[in-house]
Amino acid sequence: MRVAHDKILSRSKACAEVAKLKRTGKRVVLANGVFDTLHVGHTRYLAGAKLQGDILVVAVNSDGSTRGLKGPGRPILDEQARALLVAALRDVDYVVIFSEPNVEALLEELRPDVHAKGTDYTSETVPEREVSRRLGIEVAIVGDPKNHSTRDFLDAVRKGPHA
């Protein structure tokens, strides 16, 4: 069994590994997110993504792209810490950090079989739907209903325990 740190690949190594796996007939799934403080919704999303194929690659937003998406004060954890937490999950085979606001370029480079998105999206609202369609990548909506968020978690921590 690989240790979590060994699952984190550079972008170029991730592309080479995915190409090799696909040549051997493996079905590769790409999931993505910020994963700033891991919570149960993240684990359910990634477990659902893993069910879509043989190999799960998770793209984690860089610190810069996280700031652009989530605003000041985010991320809480730096990109290496977030990547390591995600890599430590049993369902995750590989992790790659990306700096763009979405994974369109990564879909172009990796060419996974499936692009897994959480239930906060529909097939019509996935930002990368046109790229996925053009490349023949299946889009799968996975995980439990979106009633978990890092923002809500952080708000609860700031407020303290319930009385």
C-alpha atoms as a PDB file:
ATOM      1  CA  MET A   1       0.000   0.000   0.000  1.00  0.00           C
ATOM      2  CA  ARG A   2       1.277   3.444  -0.923  1.00  0.00           C
ATOM      3  CA  VAL A   3       1.641   6.134   1.702  1.00  0.00           C
ATOM      4  CA  ALA A   4      -0.359   9.318   1.217  1.00  0.00           C
ATOM      5  CA  HIS A   5       2.638  11.453   0.251  1.00  0.00           C
ATOM      6  CA  ASP A   6       3.446   9.101  -2.650  1.00  0.00           C
ATOM      7  CA  LYS A   7      -0.042   9.616  -4.109  1.00  0.00           C
ATOM      8  CA  ILE A   8       0.598  13.341  -4.735  1.00  0.00           C
ATOM      9  CA  LEU A   9       1.874  13.776  -8.291  1.00  0.00           C
ATOM     10  CA  SER A  10       3.060  16.725 -10.323  1.00  0.00           C
ATOM     11  CA  ARG A  11       0.837  17.573 -13.233  1.00  0.00           C
ATOM     12  CA  SER A  12       3.210  16.015 -15.768  1.00  0.00           C
ATOM     13  CA  LYS A  13       3.554  12.807 -13.727  1.00  0.00           C
ATOM     14  CA  ALA A  14      -0.220  12.631 -13.309  1.00  0.00           C
ATOM     15  CA  CYS A  15      -0.659  12.871 -17.092  1.00  0.00           C
ATOM     16  CA  ALA A  16       1.886  10.113 -17.705  1.00  0.00           C
ATOM     17  CA  GLU A  17       0.343   7.875 -15.022  1.00  0.00           C
ATOM     18  CA  VAL A  18      -3.216   8.332 -16.310  1.00  0.00           C
ATOM     19  CA  ALA A  19      -2.105   7.592 -19.894  1.00  0.00           C
ATOM     20  CA  LYS A  20      -0.366   4.413 -18.707  1.00  0.00           C
ATOM     21  CA  LEU A  21      -3.392   3.284 -16.684  1.00  0.00           C
ATOM     22  CA  LYS A  22      -5.789   3.921 -19.563  1.00  0.00           C
ATOM     23  CA  ARG A  23      -3.572   1.846 -21.894  1.00  0.00           C
ATOM     24  CA  THR A  24      -4.032  -1.078 -19.486  1.00  0.00           C
ATOM     25  CA  GLY A  25      -7.818  -0.714 -19.664  1.00  0.00           C
ATOM     26  CA  LYS A  26      -8.367   1.065 -16.355  1.00  0.00           C
ATOM     27  CA  ARG A  27     -11.336   3.451 -16.118  1.00  0.00           C
ATOM     28  CA  VAL A  28     -10.020   6.753 -14.708  1.00  0.00           C
ATOM     29  CA  VAL A  29     -12.193   9.207 -12.781  1.00  0.00           C
ATOM     30  CA  LEU A  30     -11.268  12.829 -12.056  1.00  0.00           C
ATOM     31  CA  ALA A  31     -12.845  14.649  -9.102  1.00  0.00           C
ATOM     32  CA  ASN A  32     -11.861  18.107  -7.943  1.00  0.00           C
ATOM     33  CA  GLY A  33     -12.287  20.633  -5.190  1.00  0.00           C
ATOM     34  CA  VAL A  34     -10.729  22.912  -2.620  1.00  0.00           C
ATOM     35  CA  PHE A  35     -11.019  20.459   0.326  1.00  0.00           C
ATOM     36  CA  ASP A  36     -10.292  23.173   2.888  1.00  0.00           C
ATOM     37  CA  THR A  37     -10.892  21.317   6.159  1.00  0.00           C
ATOM     38  CA  LEU A  38     -12.046  17.869   5.163  1.00  0.00           C
ATOM     39  CA  HIS A  39     -15.629  17.026   6.158  1.00  0.00           C
ATOM     40  CA  VAL A  40     -18.110  14.173   5.710  1.00  0.00           C
ATOM     41  CA  GLY A  41     -19.513  15.649   2.491  1.00  0.00           C
ATOM     42  CA  HIS A  42     -16.051  15.470   0.941  1.00  0.00           C
ATOM     43  CA  THR A  43     -15.575  11.828   1.898  1.00  0.00           C
ATOM     44  CA  ARG A  44     -18.993  10.878   0.521  1.00  0.00           C
ATOM     45  CA  TYR A  45     -18.296  12.782  -2.704  1.00  0.00           C
ATOM     46  CA  LEU A  46     -14.966  11.040  -3.204  1.00  0.00           C
ATOM     47  CA  ALA A  47     -16.405   7.614  -2.325  1.00  0.00           C
ATOM     48  CA  GLY A  48     -19.127   8.190  -4.924  1.00  0.00           C
ATOM     49  CA  ALA A  49     -16.532   9.281  -7.463  1.00  0.00           C
ATOM     50  CA  LYS A  50     -14.456   6.139  -6.872  1.00  0.00           C
ATOM     51  CA  LEU A  51     -17.505   3.988  -7.654  1.00  0.00           C
ATOM     52  CA  GLN A  52     -17.492   5.426 -11.190  1.00  0.00           C
ATOM     53  CA  GLY A  53     -14.243   3.712 -12.189  1.00  0.00           C
ATOM     54  CA  ASP A  54     -11.061   1.896 -11.239  1.00  0.00           C
ATOM     55  CA  ILE A  55      -8.720   4.812 -10.488  1.00  0.00           C
ATOM     56  CA  LEU A  56      -9.652   8.059  -8.733  1.00  0.00           C
ATOM     57  CA  VAL A  57      -7.519  11.122  -9.390  1.00  0.00           C
ATOM     58  CA  VAL A  58      -8.416  14.147  -7.263  1.00  0.00           C
ATOM     59  CA  ALA A  59      -7.457  17.636  -8.394  1.00  0.00           C
ATOM     60  CA  VAL A  60      -7.001  20.022  -5.459  1.00  0.00           C
ATOM     61  CA  ASN A  61      -7.186  23.781  -6.022  1.00  0.00           C
ATOM     62  CA  SER A  62      -3.940  25.638  -5.379  1.00  0.00           C
ATOM     63  CA  ASP A  63      -3.821  28.309  -2.690  1.00  0.00           C
ATOM     64  CA  GLY A  64      -4.129  31.053  -5.326  1.00  0.00           C
ATOM     65  CA  SER A  65      -7.135  29.556  -7.078  1.00  0.00           C
ATOM     66  CA  THR A  66      -8.777  28.888  -3.702  1.00  0.00           C
ATOM     67  CA  ARG A  67      -8.415  32.571  -2.749  1.00  0.00           C
ATOM     68  CA  GLY A  68      -9.938  33.523  -6.081  1.00  0.00           C
ATOM     69  CA  LEU A  69     -12.904  31.190  -5.582  1.00  0.00           C
ATOM     70  CA  LYS A  70     -13.516  31.502  -1.834  1.00  0.00           C
ATOM     71  CA  GLY A  71     -12.299  35.005  -0.986  1.00  0.00           C
ATOM     72  CA  PRO A  72     -10.136  36.518   1.760  1.00  0.00           C
ATOM     73  CA  GLY A  73      -9.090  34.278   4.619  1.00  0.00           C
ATOM     74  CA  ARG A  74      -9.134  31.129   2.532  1.00  0.00           C
ATOM     75  CA  PRO A  75      -7.689  28.625   2.304  1.00  0.00           C
ATOM     76  CA  ILE A  76      -7.390  27.690   5.958  1.00  0.00           C
ATOM     77  CA  LEU A  77      -4.868  24.953   5.155  1.00  0.00           C
ATOM     78  CA  ASP A  78      -2.201  25.345   2.489  1.00  0.00           C
ATOM     79  CA  GLU A  79      -2.361  23.346  -0.738  1.00  0.00           C
ATOM     80  CA  GLN A  80       0.198  20.756   0.348  1.00  0.00           C
ATOM     81  CA  ALA A  81      -1.675  20.044   3.587  1.00  0.00           C
ATOM     82  CA  ARG A  82      -5.005  19.784   1.740  1.00  0.00           C
ATOM     83  CA  ALA A  83      -3.474  17.494  -0.891  1.00  0.00           C
ATOM     84  CA  LEU A  84      -2.018  15.245   1.820  1.00  0.00           C
ATOM     85  CA  LEU A  85      -5.352  14.991   3.663  1.00  0.00           C
ATOM     86  CA  VAL A  86      -7.144  14.019   0.447  1.00  0.00           C
ATOM     87  CA  ALA A  87      -4.377  11.567  -0.486  1.00  0.00           C
ATOM     88  CA  ALA A  88      -4.756   9.858   2.901  1.00  0.00           C
ATOM     89  CA  LEU A  89      -8.292   8.747   2.011  1.00  0.00           C
ATOM     90  CA  ARG A  90      -8.577   5.090   0.984  1.00  0.00           C
ATOM     91  CA  ASP A  91     -10.699   5.813  -2.103  1.00  0.00           C
ATOM     92  CA  VAL A  92      -8.139   8.235  -3.560  1.00  0.00           C
ATOM     93  CA  ASP A  93      -5.450   6.828  -5.838  1.00  0.00           C
ATOM     94  CA  TYR A  94      -3.714  10.052  -6.901  1.00  0.00           C
ATOM     95  CA  VAL A  95      -3.809  13.776  -6.140  1.00  0.00           C
ATOM     96  CA  VAL A  96      -2.693  16.637  -8.355  1.00  0.00           C
ATOM     97  CA  ILE A  97      -2.726  20.352  -7.495  1.00  0.00           C
ATOM     98  CA  PHE A  98      -4.047  22.764 -10.129  1.00  0.00           C
ATOM     99  CA  SER A  99      -3.986  26.556 -10.276  1.00  0.00           C
ATOM    100  CA  GLU A 100      -6.822  27.411 -12.672  1.00  0.00           C
ATOM    101  CA  PRO A 101     -10.325  28.348 -11.438  1.00  0.00           C
ATOM    102  CA  ASN A 102     -11.744  25.136 -12.963  1.00  0.00           C
ATOM    103  CA  VAL A 103     -10.393  21.840 -14.320  1.00  0.00           C
ATOM    104  CA  GLU A 104     -10.976  22.400 -18.049  1.00  0.00           C
ATOM    105  CA  ALA A 105      -7.249  22.430 -18.843  1.00  0.00           C
ATOM    106  CA  LEU A 106      -6.663  19.400 -16.627  1.00  0.00           C
ATOM    107  CA  LEU A 107      -9.446  17.501 -18.404  1.00  0.00           C
ATOM    108  CA  GLU A 108      -7.704  18.313 -21.700  1.00  0.00           C
ATOM    109  CA  GLU A 109      -4.379  17.047 -20.350  1.00  0.00           C
ATOM    110  CA  LEU A 110      -5.475  13.975 -18.376  1.00  0.00           C
ATOM    111  CA  ARG A 111      -8.373  12.820 -20.578  1.00  0.00           C
ATOM    112  CA  PRO A 112     -10.097  10.799 -17.823  1.00  0.00           C
ATOM    113  CA  ASP A 113     -13.048   8.572 -18.657  1.00  0.00           C
ATOM    114  CA  VAL A 114     -15.277  10.259 -16.064  1.00  0.00           C
ATOM    115  CA  HIS A 115     -15.434  13.725 -14.524  1.00  0.00           C
ATOM    116  CA  ALA A 116     -17.166  13.444 -11.129  1.00  0.00           C
ATOM    117  CA  LYS A 117     -18.841  16.487  -9.605  1.00  0.00           C
ATOM    118  CA  GLY A 118     -20.742  16.883  -6.337  1.00  0.00           C
ATOM    119  CA  THR A 119     -24.490  17.169  -5.925  1.00  0.00           C
ATOM    120  CA  ASP A 120     -24.292  20.954  -5.763  1.00  0.00           C
ATOM    121  CA  TYR A 121     -24.101  20.664  -9.579  1.00  0.00           C
ATOM    122  CA  THR A 122     -26.402  19.275 -12.234  1.00  0.00           C
ATOM    123  CA  SER A 123     -25.265  18.031 -15.627  1.00  0.00           C
ATOM    124  CA  GLU A 124     -26.288  21.452 -16.989  1.00  0.00           C
ATOM    125  CA  THR A 125     -24.371  23.517 -14.392  1.00  0.00           C
ATOM    126  CA  VAL A 126     -21.006  21.709 -14.387  1.00  0.00           C
ATOM    127  CA  PRO A 127     -18.539  24.459 -15.410  1.00  0.00           C
ATOM    128  CA  GLU A 128     -16.504  22.049 -17.527  1.00  0.00           C
ATOM    129  CA  ARG A 129     -19.490  20.381 -19.265  1.00  0.00           C
ATOM    130  CA  GLU A 130     -18.641  21.647 -22.772  1.00  0.00           C
ATOM    131  CA  VAL A 131     -15.016  20.499 -22.564  1.00  0.00           C
ATOM    132  CA  SER A 132     -16.134  17.136 -21.166  1.00  0.00           C
ATOM    133  CA  ARG A 133     -18.680  16.737 -23.958  1.00  0.00           C
ATOM    134  CA  ARG A 134     -16.153  17.663 -26.653  1.00  0.00           C
ATOM    135  CA  LEU A 135     -13.598  15.181 -25.289  1.00  0.00           C
ATOM    136  CA  GLY A 136     -16.127  12.378 -24.773  1.00  0.00           C
ATOM    137  CA  ILE A 137     -15.682  12.424 -20.992  1.00  0.00           C
ATOM    138  CA  GLU A 138     -18.703  11.220 -19.041  1.00  0.00           C
ATOM    139  CA  VAL A 139     -19.915  13.615 -16.338  1.00  0.00           C
ATOM    140  CA  ALA A 140     -21.206  11.930 -13.166  1.00  0.00           C
ATOM    141  CA  ILE A 141     -22.943  13.745 -10.305  1.00  0.00           C
ATOM    142  CA  VAL A 142     -21.985  11.879  -7.122  1.00  0.00           C
ATOM    143  CA  GLY A 143     -22.105  12.112  -3.340  1.00  0.00           C
ATOM    144  CA  ASP A 144     -24.821  12.941  -0.875  1.00  0.00           C
ATOM    145  CA  PRO A 145     -27.059  16.019  -0.962  1.00  0.00           C
ATOM    146  CA  LYS A 146     -25.056  19.203  -0.502  1.00  0.00           C
ATOM    147  CA  ASN A 147     -25.874  20.026   3.105  1.00  0.00           C
ATOM    148  CA  HIS A 148     -22.249  20.170   4.273  1.00  0.00           C
ATOM    149  CA  SER A 149     -19.878  23.005   3.576  1.00  0.00           C
ATOM    150  CA  THR A 150     -16.577  24.231   4.885  1.00  0.00           C
ATOM    151  CA  ARG A 151     -18.105  27.718   5.239  1.00  0.00           C
ATOM    152  CA  ASP A 152     -20.873  26.359   7.519  1.00  0.00           C
ATOM    153  CA  PHE A 153     -18.319  24.306   9.442  1.00  0.00           C
ATOM    154  CA  LEU A 154     -16.105  27.352  10.019  1.00  0.00           C
ATOM    155  CA  ASP A 155     -19.109  29.417  11.109  1.00  0.00           C
ATOM    156  CA  ALA A 156     -20.046  26.730  13.637  1.00  0.00           C
ATOM    157  CA  VAL A 157     -16.486  26.655  15.010  1.00  0.00           C
ATOM    158  CA  ARG A 158     -16.485  30.445  15.392  1.00  0.00           C
ATOM    159  CA  LYS A 159     -19.814  30.358  17.267  1.00  0.00           C
ATOM    160  CA  GLY A 160     -18.660  27.657  19.663  1.00  0.00           C
ATOM    161  CA  PRO A 161     -20.533  24.658  21.046  1.00  0.00           C
ATOM    162  CA  HIS A 162     -24.324  24.590  21.066  1.00  0.00           C
ATOM    163  CA  ALA A 163     -25.891  25.567  24.380  1.00  0.00           C
END
